[in-house]
N, C-alpha and C. Protein backbone atom coordinates (compact mmCIF):
# COMPACT_ATOMS: atom_id res chain seq x y z
N GLU A 1 55.36 27.03 -9.61
CA GLU A 1 55.61 26.24 -7.65
C GLU A 1 55.02 26.58 -6.93
N ALA A 2 54.55 27.75 -7.19
CA ALA A 2 53.46 27.74 -5.80
C ALA A 2 52.01 27.63 -6.01
N HIS A 3 51.82 27.18 -6.67
CA HIS A 3 50.18 26.43 -6.65
C HIS A 3 50.91 25.19 -6.19
N VAL A 4 51.71 24.20 -6.67
CA VAL A 4 52.76 22.72 -6.25
C VAL A 4 52.39 23.06 -5.21
N GLU A 5 53.51 23.46 -4.58
CA GLU A 5 53.33 23.44 -3.31
C GLU A 5 52.65 23.39 -2.10
N ARG A 6 51.52 24.55 -2.45
CA ARG A 6 50.27 24.51 -1.72
C ARG A 6 49.49 23.81 -1.93
N LYS A 7 49.38 23.26 -3.20
CA LYS A 7 48.74 21.42 -3.25
C LYS A 7 49.20 20.29 -2.68
N LEU A 8 50.27 20.54 -1.71
CA LEU A 8 51.52 19.31 -1.84
C LEU A 8 51.50 20.10 -0.92
N PHE A 9 51.47 21.50 0.53
CA PHE A 9 51.29 20.91 1.12
C PHE A 9 50.77 21.56 2.70
N ALA A 10 49.81 21.95 1.50
CA ALA A 10 48.11 22.15 2.81
C ALA A 10 47.14 21.32 2.45
N HIS A 11 46.54 20.99 1.16
CA HIS A 11 45.99 20.34 0.59
C HIS A 11 46.30 18.45 1.20
N ASN A 12 46.90 17.91 0.75
CA ASN A 12 48.44 17.05 1.06
C ASN A 12 48.62 16.84 2.19
N CYS A 13 49.62 17.53 2.30
CA CYS A 13 49.21 17.26 3.42
C CYS A 13 48.37 17.48 5.32
N ALA A 14 47.83 18.19 4.62
CA ALA A 14 46.87 17.98 5.62
C ALA A 14 45.49 16.63 6.06
N HIS A 15 46.08 16.28 4.75
CA HIS A 15 44.67 14.57 4.35
C HIS A 15 45.43 13.65 5.55
N ALA A 16 47.19 13.73 4.97
CA ALA A 16 47.72 12.67 5.34
C ALA A 16 47.80 12.76 6.72
N THR A 17 47.59 14.30 7.32
CA THR A 17 47.95 14.10 8.72
C THR A 17 46.46 13.61 9.02
N LEU A 18 45.30 14.47 8.36
CA LEU A 18 44.35 13.44 9.05
C LEU A 18 43.98 11.99 9.25
N GLY A 19 44.39 11.54 8.18
CA GLY A 19 44.61 9.90 8.26
C GLY A 19 45.11 9.17 8.87
N TYR A 20 46.03 9.59 9.70
CA TYR A 20 48.07 9.39 10.50
C TYR A 20 46.71 9.32 11.77
N LEU A 21 46.58 10.31 11.84
CA LEU A 21 45.37 10.71 12.98
C LEU A 21 44.48 10.22 13.80
N GLY A 22 43.75 9.58 12.25
CA GLY A 22 42.27 8.65 12.59
C GLY A 22 42.85 7.68 13.17
N TYR A 23 43.83 7.19 11.93
CA TYR A 23 43.88 6.43 12.00
C TYR A 23 44.24 5.66 13.48
N ARG A 24 45.76 6.42 13.93
CA ARG A 24 46.15 5.89 15.04
C ARG A 24 44.77 5.77 16.33
N LYS A 25 43.44 6.34 16.10
CA LYS A 25 42.77 6.79 16.93
C LYS A 25 41.89 5.51 17.28
N ASN A 26 41.63 4.49 15.85
CA ASN A 26 40.94 3.89 15.36
C ASN A 26 39.86 4.43 14.94
N LEU A 27 39.40 5.35 14.16
CA LEU A 27 38.99 5.45 13.11
C LEU A 27 38.74 5.38 11.96
N LYS A 28 37.03 4.95 11.74
CA LYS A 28 37.16 4.68 10.00
C LYS A 28 37.34 6.09 8.63
N PHE A 29 36.54 6.95 9.05
CA PHE A 29 36.95 7.57 7.79
C PHE A 29 37.78 9.28 8.56
N GLY A 30 38.21 10.13 7.63
CA GLY A 30 38.32 11.41 7.29
C GLY A 30 37.54 12.46 7.77
N TYR A 31 36.32 12.40 7.64
CA TYR A 31 35.54 13.02 8.84
C TYR A 31 35.02 12.10 9.56
N GLU A 32 35.46 10.99 10.58
CA GLU A 32 35.14 11.07 12.06
C GLU A 32 36.70 11.81 12.65
N ALA A 33 37.08 11.37 12.39
CA ALA A 33 39.49 12.42 12.44
C ALA A 33 38.28 13.75 12.02
N LEU A 34 38.03 14.02 11.00
CA LEU A 34 37.35 15.84 11.77
C LEU A 34 37.43 16.29 13.14
N GLU A 35 35.67 14.78 13.12
CA GLU A 35 34.50 15.68 14.11
C GLU A 35 35.77 15.42 15.52
N ASP A 36 37.11 14.44 15.47
CA ASP A 36 37.75 15.19 16.86
C ASP A 36 38.43 15.82 17.20
N PRO A 37 37.28 16.21 17.87
CA PRO A 37 38.60 17.85 18.82
C PRO A 37 39.93 17.72 19.39
N GLU A 38 41.10 16.58 19.34
CA GLU A 38 42.13 16.91 20.10
C GLU A 38 42.62 16.91 18.75
N ILE A 39 42.33 15.92 17.20
CA ILE A 39 42.41 15.55 16.12
C ILE A 39 42.27 16.78 15.01
N ASN A 40 41.80 17.09 15.09
CA ASN A 40 40.68 18.94 14.30
C ASN A 40 42.59 20.31 14.72
N ALA A 41 42.21 20.16 16.37
CA ALA A 41 43.38 21.27 17.23
C ALA A 41 44.28 20.77 15.91
N GLN A 42 45.09 20.02 16.16
CA GLN A 42 45.99 18.88 16.09
C GLN A 42 46.74 19.72 14.04
N LEU A 43 45.25 19.64 13.62
CA LEU A 43 45.67 19.04 11.80
C LEU A 43 45.89 20.65 11.85
N ARG A 44 44.39 21.59 12.70
CA ARG A 44 44.38 22.66 11.62
C ARG A 44 45.95 23.41 12.30
N GLU A 45 46.87 22.90 14.20
CA GLU A 45 48.11 23.32 14.05
C GLU A 45 49.17 23.57 12.84
N VAL A 46 48.48 22.52 11.79
CA VAL A 46 50.00 21.37 11.09
C VAL A 46 49.06 22.83 10.04
N LEU A 47 47.44 22.85 9.74
CA LEU A 47 47.83 23.94 8.47
C LEU A 47 47.64 25.30 8.16
N ASP A 48 48.10 25.61 9.43
CA ASP A 48 48.60 26.61 10.76
C ASP A 48 50.12 26.60 10.18
N GLU A 49 51.63 26.28 10.24
CA GLU A 49 52.24 25.70 10.24
C GLU A 49 52.79 26.06 8.30
N THR A 50 51.96 25.66 7.89
CA THR A 50 52.57 25.06 6.49
C THR A 50 51.71 26.40 5.59
N GLY A 51 50.94 27.15 6.49
CA GLY A 51 49.83 27.89 5.75
C GLY A 51 50.97 29.33 5.71
N GLU A 52 50.83 29.35 6.81
CA GLU A 52 52.84 30.75 7.10
C GLU A 52 53.97 31.21 6.42
N ALA A 53 54.08 29.07 6.22
CA ALA A 53 56.24 29.22 5.04
C ALA A 53 55.31 29.27 3.62
N LEU A 54 53.44 28.80 3.96
CA LEU A 54 53.84 29.53 1.98
C LEU A 54 52.93 30.72 1.51
N ILE A 55 53.22 30.84 3.04
CA ILE A 55 52.81 33.00 2.90
C ILE A 55 53.78 33.53 2.84
N ARG A 56 54.72 33.03 4.16
CA ARG A 56 56.21 33.88 3.74
C ARG A 56 56.87 33.53 2.29
N LYS A 57 57.08 32.57 1.13
CA LYS A 57 57.61 31.97 0.98
C LYS A 57 56.80 32.95 -0.66
N HIS A 58 56.17 32.80 -0.28
CA HIS A 58 55.62 32.49 -1.58
C HIS A 58 53.99 34.56 -1.61
N GLY A 59 54.26 34.65 -1.08
CA GLY A 59 53.87 36.32 -1.04
C GLY A 59 52.09 36.15 -0.95
N PHE A 60 51.55 34.10 -1.14
CA PHE A 60 49.74 34.77 -0.96
C PHE A 60 48.86 35.33 -0.14
N ASP A 61 48.39 35.92 -0.45
CA ASP A 61 47.67 36.90 0.70
C ASP A 61 46.74 36.00 1.56
N ARG A 62 46.40 36.89 3.09
CA ARG A 62 46.77 35.52 4.26
C ARG A 62 45.02 35.76 3.89
N VAL A 63 43.96 36.31 3.71
CA VAL A 63 42.63 36.04 3.76
C VAL A 63 42.23 34.67 2.86
N GLU A 64 42.99 34.85 1.60
CA GLU A 64 42.26 33.85 0.49
C GLU A 64 43.14 32.65 0.94
N HIS A 65 44.58 33.01 1.18
CA HIS A 65 44.21 31.46 1.86
C HIS A 65 44.26 30.94 2.96
N GLN A 66 43.06 31.57 3.90
CA GLN A 66 42.61 31.26 4.79
C GLN A 66 41.01 30.76 4.29
N ALA A 67 40.68 31.03 3.38
CA ALA A 67 39.35 30.82 2.65
C ALA A 67 39.58 29.86 2.60
N LEU A 68 40.87 29.02 1.08
CA LEU A 68 41.46 27.98 0.82
C LEU A 68 41.08 27.00 2.07
N VAL A 69 41.83 26.98 2.74
CA VAL A 69 41.70 26.59 4.44
C VAL A 69 40.72 25.56 4.51
N ASP A 70 39.33 27.10 4.44
CA ASP A 70 38.45 26.26 5.04
C ASP A 70 37.61 25.31 4.14
N ASP A 71 37.86 26.23 2.97
CA ASP A 71 36.83 25.52 2.34
C ASP A 71 37.91 24.11 2.28
N LEU A 72 39.05 23.24 2.15
CA LEU A 72 39.17 22.81 2.39
C LEU A 72 38.64 21.72 3.56
N LEU A 73 38.92 21.81 4.90
CA LEU A 73 38.13 21.88 6.09
C LEU A 73 36.77 20.63 5.95
N VAL A 74 35.93 22.12 5.07
CA VAL A 74 35.05 21.85 4.79
C VAL A 74 34.63 20.76 3.54
N ARG A 75 35.60 19.69 3.04
CA ARG A 75 36.01 19.55 1.75
C ARG A 75 35.76 17.68 2.52
N PHE A 76 36.64 18.06 3.41
CA PHE A 76 37.32 16.46 4.06
C PHE A 76 36.14 16.44 5.34
N ALA A 77 35.54 17.02 6.44
CA ALA A 77 33.56 16.98 6.34
C ALA A 77 32.93 15.72 5.20
N ASN A 78 32.40 16.18 4.45
CA ASN A 78 32.27 15.49 3.07
C ASN A 78 32.04 14.50 3.50
N ARG A 79 30.70 13.89 4.81
CA ARG A 79 30.73 12.42 4.58
C ARG A 79 30.33 11.55 3.58
N GLU A 80 29.92 11.42 2.01
CA GLU A 80 29.74 11.89 1.03
C GLU A 80 30.75 11.43 0.18
N LEU A 81 31.90 11.87 0.74
CA LEU A 81 33.44 11.05 -0.32
C LEU A 81 33.83 10.09 0.35
N GLY A 82 33.21 9.35 1.84
CA GLY A 82 33.63 8.24 2.34
C GLY A 82 34.75 7.76 3.07
N ASP A 83 36.00 9.19 2.21
CA ASP A 83 37.71 9.38 2.25
C ASP A 83 37.98 7.83 4.27
N THR A 84 38.28 6.98 3.76
CA THR A 84 38.97 5.90 4.91
C THR A 84 40.34 6.43 5.42
N CYS A 85 40.83 6.99 6.25
CA CYS A 85 41.67 6.82 6.86
C CYS A 85 42.77 5.98 5.95
N TYR A 86 42.30 4.92 6.31
CA TYR A 86 43.37 4.40 6.10
C TYR A 86 43.69 5.01 4.41
N ARG A 87 42.65 5.26 3.64
CA ARG A 87 42.95 5.16 2.42
C ARG A 87 43.66 6.96 2.36
N LEU A 88 44.29 7.69 3.38
CA LEU A 88 44.54 8.85 3.25
C LEU A 88 46.58 8.63 3.86
N ALA A 89 45.84 7.58 4.87
CA ALA A 89 46.28 7.47 5.08
C ALA A 89 47.97 6.12 4.71
N LYS A 90 47.33 5.26 3.69
CA LYS A 90 48.16 4.38 3.62
C LYS A 90 48.94 4.80 1.70
N ASP A 91 50.49 4.09 1.89
CA ASP A 91 51.75 4.76 1.21
C ASP A 91 52.31 5.11 2.69
N PRO A 92 53.13 4.85 3.09
CA PRO A 92 53.70 5.91 3.79
C PRO A 92 55.69 5.91 3.70
N LEU A 93 55.16 5.35 3.35
CA LEU A 93 57.06 5.45 3.08
C LEU A 93 57.29 7.39 2.05
N ARG A 94 55.69 6.99 0.36
CA ARG A 94 55.82 7.85 -0.39
C ARG A 94 55.85 9.25 0.39
N LYS A 95 55.28 9.05 1.48
CA LYS A 95 54.57 10.80 1.68
C LYS A 95 55.66 11.14 3.26
N LEU A 96 56.31 10.09 3.26
CA LEU A 96 57.35 10.71 4.45
C LEU A 96 58.56 10.79 3.99
N ALA A 97 58.77 10.71 2.97
CA ALA A 97 59.67 11.33 1.72
C ALA A 97 59.85 12.64 1.66
N PRO A 98 61.29 12.59 1.50
CA PRO A 98 62.16 13.85 1.95
C PRO A 98 61.46 15.70 1.00
N ASN A 99 60.92 15.42 -0.09
CA ASN A 99 60.17 15.90 -0.47
C ASN A 99 58.99 16.58 -0.67
N ASP A 100 57.98 14.92 0.21
CA ASP A 100 56.93 15.46 -0.36
C ASP A 100 55.64 15.22 1.22
N ARG A 101 55.02 15.01 1.36
CA ARG A 101 53.75 16.06 1.43
C ARG A 101 54.34 16.40 2.87
N LEU A 102 55.07 15.50 3.98
CA LEU A 102 54.67 15.40 5.66
C LEU A 102 56.33 15.76 5.56
N VAL A 103 57.38 15.70 5.48
CA VAL A 103 58.64 16.35 5.35
C VAL A 103 58.84 17.34 5.06
N GLY A 104 58.06 17.43 3.50
CA GLY A 104 59.00 18.46 2.14
C GLY A 104 58.50 19.80 3.40
N ALA A 105 56.87 20.10 4.06
CA ALA A 105 55.97 20.72 4.24
C ALA A 105 57.10 21.29 5.23
N ALA A 106 56.92 20.14 5.91
CA ALA A 106 58.61 21.11 7.16
C ALA A 106 59.45 21.20 6.95
N ARG A 107 59.93 21.06 6.09
CA ARG A 107 61.69 21.19 5.44
C ARG A 107 60.96 23.08 5.10
N LEU A 108 60.15 22.62 4.49
CA LEU A 108 59.40 24.45 3.99
C LEU A 108 59.24 25.49 5.31
N CYS A 109 58.60 24.92 6.94
CA CYS A 109 58.14 25.56 7.67
C CYS A 109 60.70 26.19 8.08
N GLU A 110 60.16 24.75 8.21
CA GLU A 110 62.44 25.92 8.26
C GLU A 110 62.78 26.90 7.30
N GLU A 111 63.14 26.46 5.77
CA GLU A 111 63.47 27.08 5.82
C GLU A 111 62.53 28.90 5.56
N GLN A 112 61.39 29.05 5.69
CA GLN A 112 60.62 29.99 6.57
C GLN A 112 60.74 30.59 8.01
N ASP A 113 60.99 30.18 8.28
CA ASP A 113 62.00 30.48 9.74
C ASP A 113 59.77 29.87 10.78
N VAL A 114 59.38 29.15 10.37
CA VAL A 114 58.19 28.61 11.72
C VAL A 114 58.62 27.64 12.16
N SER A 115 57.58 27.44 13.19
CA SER A 115 57.65 26.16 13.73
C SER A 115 56.98 24.71 13.01
N THR A 116 57.73 23.56 13.61
CA THR A 116 57.80 23.22 12.77
C THR A 116 56.92 22.02 14.32
N ARG A 117 56.55 22.12 15.54
CA ARG A 117 56.31 21.71 16.07
C ARG A 117 55.15 20.46 15.90
N ALA A 118 53.48 20.58 14.68
CA ALA A 118 52.76 20.29 14.74
C ALA A 118 52.95 19.37 13.53
N LEU A 119 54.20 19.39 13.14
CA LEU A 119 54.51 19.09 11.77
C LEU A 119 55.71 18.01 12.62
N ALA A 120 56.26 17.72 13.18
CA ALA A 120 56.91 17.00 13.96
C ALA A 120 56.20 15.66 14.73
N GLN A 121 55.71 16.48 14.87
CA GLN A 121 54.08 15.26 15.49
C GLN A 121 53.27 14.52 14.58
N ALA A 122 52.97 14.73 13.18
CA ALA A 122 52.16 14.10 12.64
C ALA A 122 53.23 13.82 11.73
N ILE A 123 54.63 13.63 12.18
CA ILE A 123 55.91 12.92 10.81
C ILE A 123 55.59 11.16 12.31
N ALA A 124 55.40 11.90 12.93
CA ALA A 124 55.73 10.57 14.58
C ALA A 124 55.12 9.92 14.30
N VAL A 125 53.48 10.53 13.96
CA VAL A 125 52.42 9.43 14.25
C VAL A 125 52.49 8.59 12.62
N ALA A 126 52.59 8.57 11.66
CA ALA A 126 53.12 8.70 10.49
C ALA A 126 53.49 7.29 10.09
N LEU A 127 54.89 6.95 11.41
CA LEU A 127 56.55 6.87 11.96
C LEU A 127 54.92 4.98 12.07
N HIS A 128 53.72 5.46 13.10
CA HIS A 128 53.92 4.06 13.79
C HIS A 128 53.01 3.52 12.66
N PHE A 129 52.49 4.60 11.04
CA PHE A 129 51.02 3.43 11.25
C PHE A 129 51.93 2.09 10.38
N ASP A 130 50.81 1.91 11.15
CA ASP A 130 51.17 -0.36 10.85
C ASP A 130 50.40 -0.86 9.78
N ALA A 131 49.76 -0.15 9.27
CA ALA A 131 48.61 -1.38 8.71
C ALA A 131 48.52 -1.95 7.69
N ALA A 132 47.89 -3.71 7.87
CA ALA A 132 48.31 -4.88 7.87
C ALA A 132 48.76 -5.20 6.31
N GLU A 133 47.79 -4.32 5.89
CA GLU A 133 46.62 -4.26 4.41
C GLU A 133 48.41 -3.47 3.19
N ASP A 134 48.59 -2.90 4.43
CA ASP A 134 49.17 -1.42 3.19
C ASP A 134 50.92 -2.69 3.24
N SER A 135 51.24 -2.85 2.45
CA SER A 135 52.44 -3.54 1.25
C SER A 135 54.26 -2.31 2.35
N SER A 136 53.50 -0.93 1.60
CA SER A 136 54.73 -0.01 2.66
C SER A 136 54.65 0.27 3.98
N ALA A 137 54.17 0.27 4.84
CA ALA A 137 53.40 0.53 6.83
C ALA A 137 53.96 -0.81 6.69
N LEU A 138 54.00 -2.04 6.36
CA LEU A 138 54.46 -3.14 7.14
C LEU A 138 56.11 -2.80 6.34
N GLU A 139 56.79 -2.24 5.59
CA GLU A 139 57.84 -2.51 5.41
C GLU A 139 58.21 -1.37 5.68
N LEU A 140 57.99 0.01 6.81
CA LEU A 140 58.10 1.10 7.16
C LEU A 140 58.01 0.31 8.74
N GLN A 141 57.33 -0.64 9.03
CA GLN A 141 57.83 -0.95 10.97
C GLN A 141 59.11 -1.81 10.79
N ALA A 142 58.72 -2.55 8.94
CA ALA A 142 60.36 -3.66 8.89
C ALA A 142 61.72 -3.48 9.47
N GLN A 143 61.62 -2.25 9.04
CA GLN A 143 62.68 -1.08 9.41
C GLN A 143 62.55 -0.72 10.31
N ILE A 144 62.10 0.55 11.55
CA ILE A 144 62.17 0.45 12.68
C ILE A 144 62.81 -0.28 13.40
N ALA A 145 61.93 -1.82 13.04
CA ALA A 145 62.35 -3.35 13.75
C ALA A 145 63.79 -3.70 14.41
N ARG A 146 64.34 -3.19 12.72
CA ARG A 146 65.27 -4.39 12.46
C ARG A 146 66.99 -3.42 12.18
N ASP A 147 66.29 -1.29 11.86
CA ASP A 147 67.51 -0.53 11.60
C ASP A 147 67.60 0.35 12.69
N GLY A 148 66.52 0.94 13.85
CA GLY A 148 65.84 1.83 14.49
C GLY A 148 64.84 2.99 13.94
N ILE A 149 64.93 3.10 14.76
CA ILE A 149 63.44 4.15 14.27
C ILE A 149 64.81 5.76 13.65
N GLU A 150 66.19 5.50 14.72
CA GLU A 150 67.15 7.27 14.01
C GLU A 150 67.34 7.34 12.88
N GLU A 151 68.13 5.30 12.40
CA GLU A 151 68.45 4.72 11.31
C GLU A 151 66.82 5.29 9.97
N THR A 152 66.51 3.93 10.29
CA THR A 152 64.64 5.05 9.33
C THR A 152 64.42 6.26 9.16
N LEU A 153 64.15 7.49 10.90
CA LEU A 153 64.06 8.96 9.81
C LEU A 153 65.20 9.37 9.19
N GLY A 154 66.57 8.81 9.14
CA GLY A 154 67.00 9.60 8.27
C GLY A 154 67.70 8.34 6.81
N SER A 155 66.87 6.80 6.28
CA SER A 155 66.93 6.80 4.97
C SER A 155 66.26 7.04 4.59
N VAL A 156 64.59 7.60 5.61
CA VAL A 156 63.69 7.82 4.72
C VAL A 156 63.12 8.68 4.74
N CYS A 157 63.24 9.57 5.79
CA CYS A 157 63.34 10.82 6.21
C CYS A 157 63.64 12.13 5.31
N ARG A 158 65.34 11.50 5.19
CA ARG A 158 66.44 12.04 5.09
C ARG A 158 66.48 13.42 6.16
N ILE A 159 65.93 12.35 7.03
CA ILE A 159 66.19 13.53 8.27
C ILE A 159 67.03 13.31 9.66
N ARG A 160 67.91 14.18 9.63
CA ARG A 160 69.04 14.01 10.91
C ARG A 160 68.92 13.23 12.42
N ARG A 161 69.08 12.45 12.99
CA ARG A 161 68.56 12.59 14.27
C ARG A 161 69.15 13.92 15.33
N ASP A 162 70.03 14.57 14.95
CA ASP A 162 70.57 15.85 16.03
C ASP A 162 70.08 16.71 15.74
N GLU A 163 69.56 16.77 14.85
CA GLU A 163 68.73 18.74 13.62
C GLU A 163 67.97 18.71 14.52
N THR A 164 66.76 20.04 14.11
CA THR A 164 65.85 20.14 15.27
C THR A 164 64.64 19.21 14.52
N LEU A 165 64.38 19.41 13.84
CA LEU A 165 63.06 18.66 13.21
C LEU A 165 63.76 16.97 13.73
N GLY A 166 64.91 16.69 12.91
CA GLY A 166 64.59 15.45 14.46
C GLY A 166 65.15 14.93 15.48
N VAL A 167 64.64 15.90 16.86
CA VAL A 167 65.24 16.29 17.32
C VAL A 167 63.45 15.65 17.87
N GLN A 168 62.96 17.23 17.69
CA GLN A 168 61.05 16.60 17.72
C GLN A 168 60.26 15.29 16.87
N ILE A 169 61.14 15.43 16.43
CA ILE A 169 59.87 14.10 15.49
C ILE A 169 59.70 12.75 16.31
N LEU A 170 61.76 12.00 17.47
CA LEU A 170 61.90 11.63 18.39
C LEU A 170 61.43 11.84 19.33
N ALA A 171 61.43 12.73 19.92
CA ALA A 171 60.27 13.11 20.97
C ALA A 171 58.94 12.38 20.58
N ALA A 172 58.66 13.02 19.83
CA ALA A 172 56.47 12.51 19.80
C ALA A 172 56.08 11.44 19.37
N TYR A 173 57.84 11.20 18.93
CA TYR A 173 58.08 9.54 18.64
C TYR A 173 57.81 8.12 20.10
N SER A 174 59.43 8.76 20.79
CA SER A 174 59.11 7.60 22.14
C SER A 174 58.33 8.80 22.46
N GLN A 175 56.96 9.36 23.06
CA GLN A 175 55.87 10.12 23.22
C GLN A 175 54.60 9.40 23.52
N LEU A 176 54.79 8.80 21.28
CA LEU A 176 53.76 8.07 20.58
C LEU A 176 53.88 6.51 21.39
N SER A 177 54.90 5.95 21.50
CA SER A 177 54.90 4.62 21.82
C SER A 177 54.25 3.85 23.42
């Protein structure tokens, strides 16, 4: 369970975050997003939050976990992989599900009394993902247009608007709009 959670809430969460942040800035490749100082800082904050929660829950060695994060960042920077921001971000309905990489990571942080500020920002950016070639993104945007962001946050992410995480996400979402 510990290693599955680390893969989902460190690697997969970071990959999706990189994709959403890069897509929002109209960057094509993940490595381009990683080279953007603002995105890089936001990604590192997400990795700090998830890392702290994983260390608290599973007792991972801090030095070893940081080495894993450093290795992830080196792999994300690999231009040979050609990972596009679109590919990293596609299928937001799955990636925003309650137990998946973004919301699941935020819930783990809450359980371990770790800040969710950076994750809330990443979730808000994911909620804005509107790639025309992604049916999941189109469905998400249609649901937001039809039901509003608060209802969509509840039905897609199982996050209430009045809980701390919901308040953080809605504030970030509003700032991005």
